[in-house]
Protein backbone atom coordinates (compact mmCIF):
# COMPACT_ATOMS: atom_id res chain seq x y z
CA MET A 1 70.40 -53.79 231.07
CA LYS A 2 67.67 -56.03 232.46
CA LEU A 3 64.76 -54.37 234.26
CA LEU A 4 62.23 -56.29 236.33
CA ARG A 5 59.59 -56.02 239.03
CA TYR A 6 59.41 -58.13 242.17
CA GLY A 7 57.02 -58.67 245.05
CA PRO A 8 53.38 -59.71 245.60
CA ALA A 9 50.91 -59.15 242.78
CA GLY A 10 49.80 -55.53 242.77
CA GLN A 11 52.65 -54.48 245.07
CA GLU A 12 55.65 -55.01 242.79
CA LYS A 13 58.76 -52.89 243.18
CA PRO A 14 61.14 -51.88 240.37
CA ALA A 15 64.55 -53.53 240.10
CA MET A 16 67.38 -54.40 237.79
CA LEU A 17 69.25 -57.66 237.38
CA ASP A 18 72.91 -57.14 238.17
CA PRO A 19 75.77 -58.74 236.18
CA GLU A 20 76.07 -61.44 238.86
CA GLY A 21 72.42 -62.46 238.57
CA GLY A 22 71.27 -60.65 241.72
CA ILE A 23 68.21 -58.43 242.00
CA ARG A 24 68.95 -54.77 242.85
CA CYS A 25 66.05 -52.64 244.08
CA LEU A 26 65.36 -49.40 242.21
CA SER A 27 62.66 -48.05 244.54
CA GLY A 28 64.95 -45.22 245.59
CA VAL A 29 65.28 -44.15 241.97
CA LEU A 30 61.96 -45.06 240.28
CA ARG A 31 58.33 -45.47 241.27
CA ASP A 32 57.96 -48.44 238.88
CA ILE A 33 59.10 -49.87 235.55
CA ASP A 34 56.55 -47.69 233.79
CA GLY A 35 56.37 -45.31 230.86
CA PHE A 36 58.72 -42.82 232.51
CA ALA A 37 61.31 -45.48 233.33
CA LEU A 38 61.26 -46.74 229.73
CA SER A 39 61.92 -43.34 228.15
CA PRO A 40 65.32 -42.91 226.45
CA ALA A 41 66.39 -40.36 229.08
CA ALA A 42 65.44 -42.60 232.01
CA LEU A 43 67.11 -45.66 230.49
CA LYS A 44 70.29 -43.62 230.00
CA MET A 45 70.13 -42.55 233.66
CA LEU A 46 69.62 -46.13 234.84
CA ALA A 47 72.50 -47.42 232.73
CA ALA A 48 74.82 -44.92 234.42
CA LEU A 49 74.00 -46.09 237.95
CA ASP A 50 76.56 -47.95 240.05
CA TRP A 51 74.64 -51.21 240.49
CA LYS A 52 76.82 -52.21 243.44
CA ALA A 53 75.45 -49.23 245.37
CA LEU A 54 71.84 -50.35 244.92
CA PRO A 55 70.16 -52.42 247.67
CA LYS A 56 70.36 -56.14 247.00
CA VAL A 57 67.10 -58.08 247.29
CA GLY A 58 67.47 -61.23 249.34
CA GLY A 59 65.65 -64.54 249.12
CA SER A 60 63.59 -65.66 246.15
CA PRO A 61 60.82 -63.10 245.72
CA ARG A 62 58.01 -63.52 243.22
CA ILE A 63 58.86 -61.92 239.90
CA GLY A 64 56.04 -59.86 238.45
CA PRO A 65 55.42 -58.88 234.83
CA CYS A 66 58.45 -56.90 233.73
CA VAL A 67 56.67 -53.60 233.09
CA ALA A 68 53.78 -51.96 234.90
CA ARG A 69 50.28 -52.52 233.55
CA PRO A 70 50.36 -51.38 229.88
CA VAL A 71 47.70 -49.38 228.09
CA ASN A 72 47.77 -51.87 225.20
CA PHE A 73 48.76 -55.54 225.23
CA VAL A 74 48.89 -56.10 221.48
CA CYS A 75 49.27 -59.55 219.92
CA ILE A 76 50.03 -60.66 216.38
CA GLY A 77 48.41 -63.81 215.02
CA LEU A 78 49.84 -66.34 212.56
CA ASN A 79 53.14 -64.49 212.17
CA TYR A 80 55.27 -67.55 211.40
CA ALA A 81 54.64 -69.27 208.08
CA ASP A 82 55.28 -72.73 209.53
CA HIS A 83 52.87 -72.07 212.40
CA ALA A 84 50.17 -70.93 209.97
CA ALA A 85 50.71 -74.15 208.01
CA GLU A 86 50.37 -76.39 211.07
CA THR A 87 47.05 -74.77 211.96
CA GLY A 88 45.76 -75.01 208.38
CA ALA A 89 45.53 -71.23 208.00
CA ALA A 90 46.56 -69.15 205.01
CA ILE A 91 49.65 -66.94 205.33
CA PRO A 92 48.37 -63.45 206.17
CA LYS A 93 48.83 -60.66 203.62
CA GLU A 94 48.92 -58.13 206.47
CA PRO A 95 49.56 -58.63 210.19
CA ILE A 96 46.64 -60.05 212.17
CA VAL A 97 46.29 -57.76 215.18
CA PHE A 98 44.27 -58.38 218.33
CA LEU A 99 44.34 -57.09 221.91
CA LYS A 100 44.78 -59.34 224.89
CA SER A 101 42.73 -58.44 227.95
CA LEU A 102 44.83 -56.82 230.65
CA GLY A 103 43.24 -59.31 233.05
CA ALA A 104 45.48 -61.88 231.37
CA TYR A 105 48.65 -59.94 232.22
CA CYS A 106 50.65 -61.73 234.92
CA GLY A 107 54.11 -62.66 236.12
CA PRO A 108 56.39 -65.08 234.26
CA ASN A 109 56.17 -67.81 236.88
CA ASP A 110 52.61 -67.32 238.09
CA ASP A 111 50.19 -70.23 237.77
CA VAL A 112 48.26 -70.45 234.51
CA ILE A 113 44.58 -71.15 235.18
CA ILE A 114 42.60 -73.36 232.82
CA PRO A 115 39.23 -71.56 232.62
CA ARG A 116 35.96 -73.22 233.46
CA GLY A 117 34.62 -75.23 230.54
CA SER A 118 37.94 -75.27 228.73
CA LYS A 119 38.89 -78.29 226.65
CA LYS A 120 41.61 -76.79 224.46
CA THR A 121 44.00 -74.58 226.45
CA ASP A 122 47.23 -74.22 224.45
CA TRP A 123 50.70 -72.69 224.74
CA GLU A 124 52.53 -70.11 222.56
CA VAL A 125 56.06 -68.85 223.29
CA GLU A 126 56.57 -65.40 221.77
CA LEU A 127 59.01 -62.50 221.54
CA GLY A 128 57.56 -59.44 223.26
CA VAL A 129 58.46 -55.90 222.17
CA VAL A 130 58.26 -53.19 224.85
CA ILE A 131 57.46 -49.68 223.66
CA GLY A 132 59.53 -46.84 225.12
CA SER A 133 58.00 -43.72 223.57
CA THR A 134 54.65 -42.86 222.02
CA ALA A 135 54.29 -44.29 218.52
CA ARG A 136 51.59 -42.92 216.24
CA TYR A 137 51.75 -43.29 212.45
CA VAL A 138 55.49 -44.00 212.56
CA SER A 139 57.45 -45.11 209.52
CA GLU A 140 59.41 -48.36 209.42
CA ASP A 141 62.61 -46.30 209.33
CA ALA A 142 61.67 -44.66 212.63
CA ALA A 143 59.98 -47.64 214.28
CA MET A 144 62.95 -48.87 216.31
CA ASP A 145 63.36 -45.42 217.89
CA HIS A 146 60.16 -46.22 219.81
CA VAL A 147 61.34 -49.60 221.15
CA ALA A 148 62.73 -49.76 224.70
CA GLY A 149 63.51 -53.47 224.75
CA TYR A 150 62.30 -57.06 224.57
CA CYS A 151 60.86 -59.76 226.80
CA VAL A 152 59.40 -63.27 226.82
CA CYS A 153 55.62 -63.71 226.46
CA ASN A 154 53.43 -66.80 226.63
CA ASP A 155 50.30 -66.11 224.58
CA VAL A 156 48.22 -68.80 226.28
CA SER A 157 45.12 -69.55 224.18
CA GLU A 158 41.89 -71.49 224.53
CA ARG A 159 41.33 -72.78 220.98
CA GLU A 160 37.65 -73.67 221.31
CA PHE A 161 36.84 -70.27 222.79
CA GLN A 162 39.02 -68.63 220.13
CA ALA A 163 37.73 -70.32 216.99
CA GLU A 164 34.53 -72.23 217.71
CA ARG A 165 32.43 -69.95 219.90
CA GLY A 166 31.67 -67.17 217.40
CA GLY A 167 33.06 -63.68 217.06
CA THR A 168 36.72 -62.69 217.23
CA TRP A 169 39.70 -64.37 218.86
CA ASP A 170 39.50 -62.35 222.07
CA LYS A 171 37.43 -64.88 224.05
CA GLY A 172 40.20 -67.45 223.72
CA LYS A 173 43.07 -65.06 224.39
CA GLY A 174 42.04 -62.87 227.31
CA CYS A 175 41.27 -65.32 230.12
CA ASP A 176 42.85 -64.63 233.50
CA THR A 177 46.60 -65.52 233.59
CA PHE A 178 46.76 -66.03 229.79
CA GLY A 179 49.56 -63.47 229.39
CA PRO A 180 52.68 -64.35 231.42
CA THR A 181 55.30 -61.68 230.66
CA GLY A 182 58.95 -61.40 231.71
CA PRO A 183 61.01 -62.26 233.76
CA TRP A 184 62.68 -59.02 232.71
CA MET A 185 62.83 -56.51 229.92
CA VAL A 186 66.18 -56.53 228.16
CA THR A 187 67.03 -53.13 226.68
CA LYS A 188 67.38 -53.06 222.91
CA ASP A 189 71.11 -52.26 223.01
CA GLU A 190 71.65 -55.83 224.28
CA VAL A 191 69.62 -57.37 221.44
CA PRO A 192 71.38 -56.34 218.23
CA ASP A 193 69.10 -58.39 215.96
CA PRO A 194 65.60 -59.28 217.19
CA GLN A 195 65.13 -61.29 213.98
CA ASN A 196 67.79 -63.80 215.02
CA LEU A 197 66.61 -65.20 218.36
CA LYS A 198 65.78 -68.78 219.29
CA LEU A 199 62.46 -69.51 221.02
CA TRP A 200 61.48 -72.73 222.78
CA LEU A 201 58.81 -74.20 225.03
CA ASP A 202 58.63 -77.47 226.99
CA VAL A 203 55.59 -79.14 228.55
CA ASP A 204 56.54 -81.49 231.41
CA GLY A 205 60.11 -81.52 230.11
CA LYS A 206 59.18 -82.43 226.52
CA ARG A 207 60.26 -79.94 223.87
CA MET A 208 57.16 -78.80 221.99
CA GLN A 209 58.29 -75.58 220.33
CA ASP A 210 61.77 -74.95 218.94
CA GLY A 211 61.86 -72.00 216.56
CA THR A 212 63.62 -68.81 215.59
CA THR A 213 62.46 -65.26 214.96
CA LYS A 214 64.20 -65.52 211.58
CA THR A 215 61.02 -67.14 210.22
CA MET A 216 58.64 -64.33 211.20
CA ILE A 217 56.47 -63.21 208.29
CA PHE A 218 56.45 -59.61 209.59
CA GLY A 219 59.48 -58.46 211.57
CA VAL A 220 59.63 -56.21 214.61
CA ARG A 221 60.30 -53.01 212.65
CA HIS A 222 57.31 -53.60 210.39
CA LEU A 223 55.01 -54.57 213.26
CA VAL A 224 55.72 -51.47 215.35
CA SER A 225 55.09 -49.24 212.34
CA TYR A 226 52.02 -51.17 211.21
CA VAL A 227 50.30 -51.30 214.61
CA SER A 228 50.97 -47.59 215.18
CA HIS A 229 48.77 -46.78 212.18
CA PHE A 230 45.77 -48.35 213.91
CA ILE A 231 46.51 -48.11 217.64
CA THR A 232 48.56 -45.41 219.31
CA LEU A 233 51.31 -47.22 221.19
CA HIS A 234 52.21 -45.79 224.60
CA PRO A 235 55.37 -46.20 226.67
CA GLY A 236 55.10 -49.54 228.46
CA ASP A 237 52.85 -51.12 225.86
CA ILE A 238 53.76 -54.61 224.68
CA ILE A 239 53.52 -56.22 221.25
CA SER A 240 53.63 -60.02 221.43
CA THR A 241 54.87 -60.90 217.96
CA GLY A 242 53.50 -64.38 217.21
CA THR A 243 54.57 -67.95 217.85
CA PRO A 244 56.65 -70.54 215.96
CA PRO A 245 55.28 -74.03 215.20
CA GLY A 246 54.78 -76.68 217.85
CA VAL A 247 51.55 -75.56 219.51
CA GLY A 248 49.17 -78.21 220.83
CA LEU A 249 46.59 -77.44 218.15
CA GLY A 250 49.02 -78.45 215.43
CA ILE A 251 50.04 -81.85 216.80
CA LYS A 252 49.21 -84.76 214.48
CA PRO A 253 47.29 -87.02 214.32
CA GLU A 254 45.42 -85.53 217.29
CA PRO A 255 45.91 -82.14 218.95
CA VAL A 256 47.19 -82.13 222.53
CA PHE A 257 46.12 -79.54 225.10
CA LEU A 258 47.13 -78.56 228.60
CA LYS A 259 45.84 -80.29 231.69
CA ALA A 260 45.91 -79.25 235.34
CA GLY A 261 49.11 -80.41 237.01
CA GLN A 262 51.35 -79.90 234.00
CA THR A 263 54.27 -77.47 233.84
CA MET A 264 55.30 -75.16 231.01
CA ARG A 265 58.87 -73.92 230.73
CA LEU A 266 59.79 -71.50 227.96
CA GLY A 267 62.28 -68.89 226.90
CA VAL A 268 63.70 -66.63 224.24
CA GLU A 269 67.44 -66.48 223.62
CA GLY A 270 69.04 -63.83 225.83
CA LEU A 271 65.74 -62.76 227.40
CA GLY A 272 65.35 -65.27 230.23
CA GLU A 273 62.94 -68.10 231.00
CA GLN A 274 59.47 -68.62 232.41
CA THR A 275 58.00 -71.56 234.31
CA GLN A 276 54.26 -71.92 234.88
CA ARG A 277 52.27 -74.56 236.70
CA VAL A 278 48.89 -75.26 235.09
CA VAL A 279 45.96 -75.32 237.51
CA ALA A 280 42.20 -75.72 237.17
CA ALA A 281 39.89 -72.79 237.77
CA GLY A 282 38.25 -72.79 241.17
């Protein structure tokens, strides 16, 4: 099952993607794709619906982030050994965890804004994990019981702000529009092995990232358990699990960064695609 949200920013309505690729409104059933909707009981109820009886959404509405505003937008840094190598960083002994500002959270096809003063805005396609039930100090054996599904994330990053301006990574990760998420959340029953998914990202039609979740240092099960020992994960929270190689920072001999007017297109196998136009801050 693929759950999504459509409509103007801040006014999104819940929906599901039907087997024919159409959008079916769920407003008569749910208030939103929120913590309640992501609970095991609610997902079971939604799966039992006759999708043909749901109102079909016409036209080409804006697609919003696939779940309502989370409590925590958690990100994992340097979680692919080959990505760590291209950035010159050591392979982490434990997951690197940081929080992305919720101001960054946006729809999968919304414009990405290069912030004022930016010289090094970069791309990062990632597998997102959507939490379905509260996770606090959970074991690895129980971790997947707390996962509702998966989505595509673009962990857009400003490398100078992140690494050269002092302090932690947050300044380079939380700028407005730096967290495109969606287009939909695919329930975990449709993703039998999250550690065997292809990820890719193009800039202006040129393939920059072409990886697989097989090469993650820390897999989904470990990450959910690990994060839950430091941050209570709530239904609707997202863990963006790190990026494969091919980011602009790692390009040799000189790094390459995003410029206004460019277009990013990215996806994760079975989870849909995103397309973002890059624009300059006003």
